[in-house]
C-alpha atoms as a PDB file:
ATOM      1  CA  MET A   1      70.958 129.107  89.137  1.00  0.00           C
ATOM      2  CA  SER A   2      73.571 129.645  91.856  1.00  0.00           C
ATOM      3  CA  GLN A   3      76.924 127.943  91.669  1.00  0.00           C
ATOM      4  CA  GLY A   4      78.545 126.416  94.712  1.00  0.00           C
ATOM      5  CA  LEU A   5      78.028 123.703  97.272  1.00  0.00           C
ATOM      6  CA  GLN A   6      74.686 123.457  99.063  1.00  0.00           C
ATOM      7  CA  ILE A   7      74.098 121.063 101.986  1.00  0.00           C
ATOM      8  CA  TRP A   8      70.797 120.362 103.761  1.00  0.00           C
ATOM      9  CA  ASP A   9      70.193 118.531 107.042  1.00  0.00           C
ATOM     10  CA  THR A  10      67.680 115.670 107.401  1.00  0.00           C
ATOM     11  CA  ASP A  11      64.861 118.160 108.112  1.00  0.00           C
ATOM     12  CA  GLY A  12      65.455 119.988 104.830  1.00  0.00           C
ATOM     13  CA  PHE A  13      67.168 123.001 106.458  1.00  0.00           C
ATOM     14  CA  MET A  14      70.060 124.393 104.424  1.00  0.00           C
ATOM     15  CA  VAL A  15      73.173 124.270 106.627  1.00  0.00           C
ATOM     16  CA  LEU A  16      75.726 125.396 104.039  1.00  0.00           C
ATOM     17  CA  ASP A  17      75.485 127.440 100.862  1.00  0.00           C
ATOM     18  CA  THR A  18      78.884 128.427  99.491  1.00  0.00           C
ATOM     19  CA  SER A  19      77.294 130.629  96.842  1.00  0.00           C
ATOM     20  CA  SER A  20      76.212 133.073  99.561  1.00  0.00           C
ATOM     21  CA  GLN A  21      78.447 132.353 102.562  1.00  0.00           C
ATOM     22  CA  THR A  22      82.151 132.841 103.073  1.00  0.00           C
ATOM     23  CA  VAL A  23      84.209 130.008 104.501  1.00  0.00           C
ATOM     24  CA  LYS A  24      87.116 130.923 106.761  1.00  0.00           C
ATOM     25  CA  ILE A  25      89.886 128.419 107.533  1.00  0.00           C
ATOM     26  CA  LEU A  26      91.129 129.282 111.031  1.00  0.00           C
ATOM     27  CA  GLY A  27      93.741 126.606 111.574  1.00  0.00           C
ATOM     28  CA  VAL A  28      95.582 123.735 109.950  1.00  0.00           C
ATOM     29  CA  PHE A  29      97.445 121.298 112.159  1.00  0.00           C
ATOM     30  CA  LYS A  30      98.741 117.748 112.419  1.00  0.00           C
ATOM     31  CA  VAL A  31      97.088 115.389 114.885  1.00  0.00           C
ATOM     32  CA  SER A  32      99.082 112.791 116.756  1.00  0.00           C
ATOM     33  CA  SER A  33      98.257 110.431 119.607  1.00  0.00           C
ATOM     34  CA  ASP A  34      98.037 113.410 122.015  1.00  0.00           C
ATOM     35  CA  PRO A  35      94.841 115.513 122.110  1.00  0.00           C
ATOM     36  CA  VAL A  36      95.113 118.808 120.248  1.00  0.00           C
ATOM     37  CA  THR A  37      93.270 121.947 121.376  1.00  0.00           C
ATOM     38  CA  PHE A  38      92.716 124.911 119.075  1.00  0.00           C
ATOM     39  CA  SER A  39      91.029 128.183 120.100  1.00  0.00           C
ATOM     40  CA  ASP A  40      89.657 131.088 118.097  1.00  0.00           C
ATOM     41  CA  PRO A  41      86.863 133.544 119.056  1.00  0.00           C
ATOM     42  CA  LEU A  42      85.083 132.943 115.727  1.00  0.00           C
ATOM     43  CA  LEU A  43      84.371 129.325 116.714  1.00  0.00           C
ATOM     44  CA  ALA A  44      81.875 130.670 119.281  1.00  0.00           C
ATOM     45  CA  THR A  45      80.095 133.132 116.976  1.00  0.00           C
ATOM     46  CA  GLU A  46      80.025 131.328 113.598  1.00  0.00           C
ATOM     47  CA  THR A  47      79.225 127.753 112.525  1.00  0.00           C
ATOM     48  CA  PRO A  48      82.371 125.637 113.014  1.00  0.00           C
ATOM     49  CA  PHE A  49      83.457 122.754 110.801  1.00  0.00           C
ATOM     50  CA  TYR A  50      86.475 120.529 110.235  1.00  0.00           C
ATOM     51  CA  ILE A  51      87.924 118.640 107.293  1.00  0.00           C
ATOM     52  CA  VAL A  52      90.254 115.640 107.554  1.00  0.00           C
ATOM     53  CA  SER A  53      93.022 115.376 104.975  1.00  0.00           C
ATOM     54  CA  PRO A  54      92.302 112.991 102.077  1.00  0.00           C
ATOM     55  CA  GLU A  55      95.124 110.576 102.895  1.00  0.00           C
ATOM     56  CA  TYR A  56      93.409 109.829 106.231  1.00  0.00           C
ATOM     57  CA  ARG A  57      89.966 109.274 104.697  1.00  0.00           C
ATOM     58  CA  HIS A  58      91.586 106.798 102.328  1.00  0.00           C
ATOM     59  CA  THR A  59      92.237 104.447 105.248  1.00  0.00           C
ATOM     60  CA  GLY A  60      88.504 104.232 105.984  1.00  0.00           C
ATOM     61  CA  ASP A  61      89.153 104.681 109.717  1.00  0.00           C
ATOM     62  CA  THR A  62      87.452 107.968 110.650  1.00  0.00           C
ATOM     63  CA  THR A  63      85.701 106.592 113.744  1.00  0.00           C
ATOM     64  CA  ASN A  64      88.847 106.864 115.880  1.00  0.00           C
ATOM     65  CA  LEU A  65      88.996 110.626 115.450  1.00  0.00           C
ATOM     66  CA  ASN A  66      86.826 112.706 117.790  1.00  0.00           C
ATOM     67  CA  VAL A  67      86.401 116.442 117.097  1.00  0.00           C
ATOM     68  CA  GLU A  68      84.464 118.559 119.604  1.00  0.00           C
ATOM     69  CA  PHE A  69      83.577 122.252 119.445  1.00  0.00           C
ATOM     70  CA  ASN A  70      82.838 123.973 122.758  1.00  0.00           C
ATOM     71  CA  GLY A  71      82.529 127.750 122.648  1.00  0.00           C
ATOM     72  CA  SER A  72      85.707 129.148 121.143  1.00  0.00           C
ATOM     73  CA  THR A  73      87.650 125.877 121.524  1.00  0.00           C
ATOM     74  CA  CYS A  74      88.073 122.860 119.255  1.00  0.00           C
ATOM     75  CA  THR A  75      89.498 119.664 120.745  1.00  0.00           C
ATOM     76  CA  VAL A  76      90.678 116.781 118.563  1.00  0.00           C
ATOM     77  CA  THR A  77      91.288 113.384 120.137  1.00  0.00           C
ATOM     78  CA  ASN A  78      92.855 110.530 118.199  1.00  0.00           C
ATOM     79  CA  SER A  79      92.443 106.977 119.470  1.00  0.00           C
ATOM     80  CA  SER A  80      93.894 105.389 116.327  1.00  0.00           C
ATOM     81  CA  THR A  81      97.448 104.273 115.647  1.00  0.00           C
ATOM     82  CA  TYR A  82      97.458 106.482 112.535  1.00  0.00           C
ATOM     83  CA  ASN A  83      99.230 109.617 113.774  1.00  0.00           C
ATOM     84  CA  ASN A  84      99.921 111.670 110.684  1.00  0.00           C
ATOM     85  CA  ARG A  85      96.669 113.348 109.711  1.00  0.00           C
ATOM     86  CA  THR A  86      95.994 116.962 108.868  1.00  0.00           C
ATOM     87  CA  ILE A  87      92.889 118.679 110.220  1.00  0.00           C
ATOM     88  CA  TYR A  88      91.501 121.931 108.819  1.00  0.00           C
ATOM     89  CA  VAL A  89      89.282 123.884 111.246  1.00  0.00           C
ATOM     90  CA  GLY A  90      87.126 126.749 110.067  1.00  0.00           C
ATOM     91  CA  VAL A  91      83.818 128.553 110.254  1.00  0.00           C
ATOM     92  CA  TYR A  92      81.106 129.667 107.850  1.00  0.00           C
END
């Protein structure tokens, strides 16, 4: 049996298998009330993802954070008053 994290979508397609794929963190940055744009060529050729720091998830207010991937660019928009969150952007 493989060890690692495995995630399937609603159609039963495996979208992440850490036992066979390598995860690359491309950027770590703080988000404030101003939109943040991050670019890396790997965002266009791999599967991008983001993780929000645990202290932000603790507030239960993730709906005010919008993260969009478009080609090699990631744009993070914050419409909340909570302005001290860390975002990790990567690919697998």
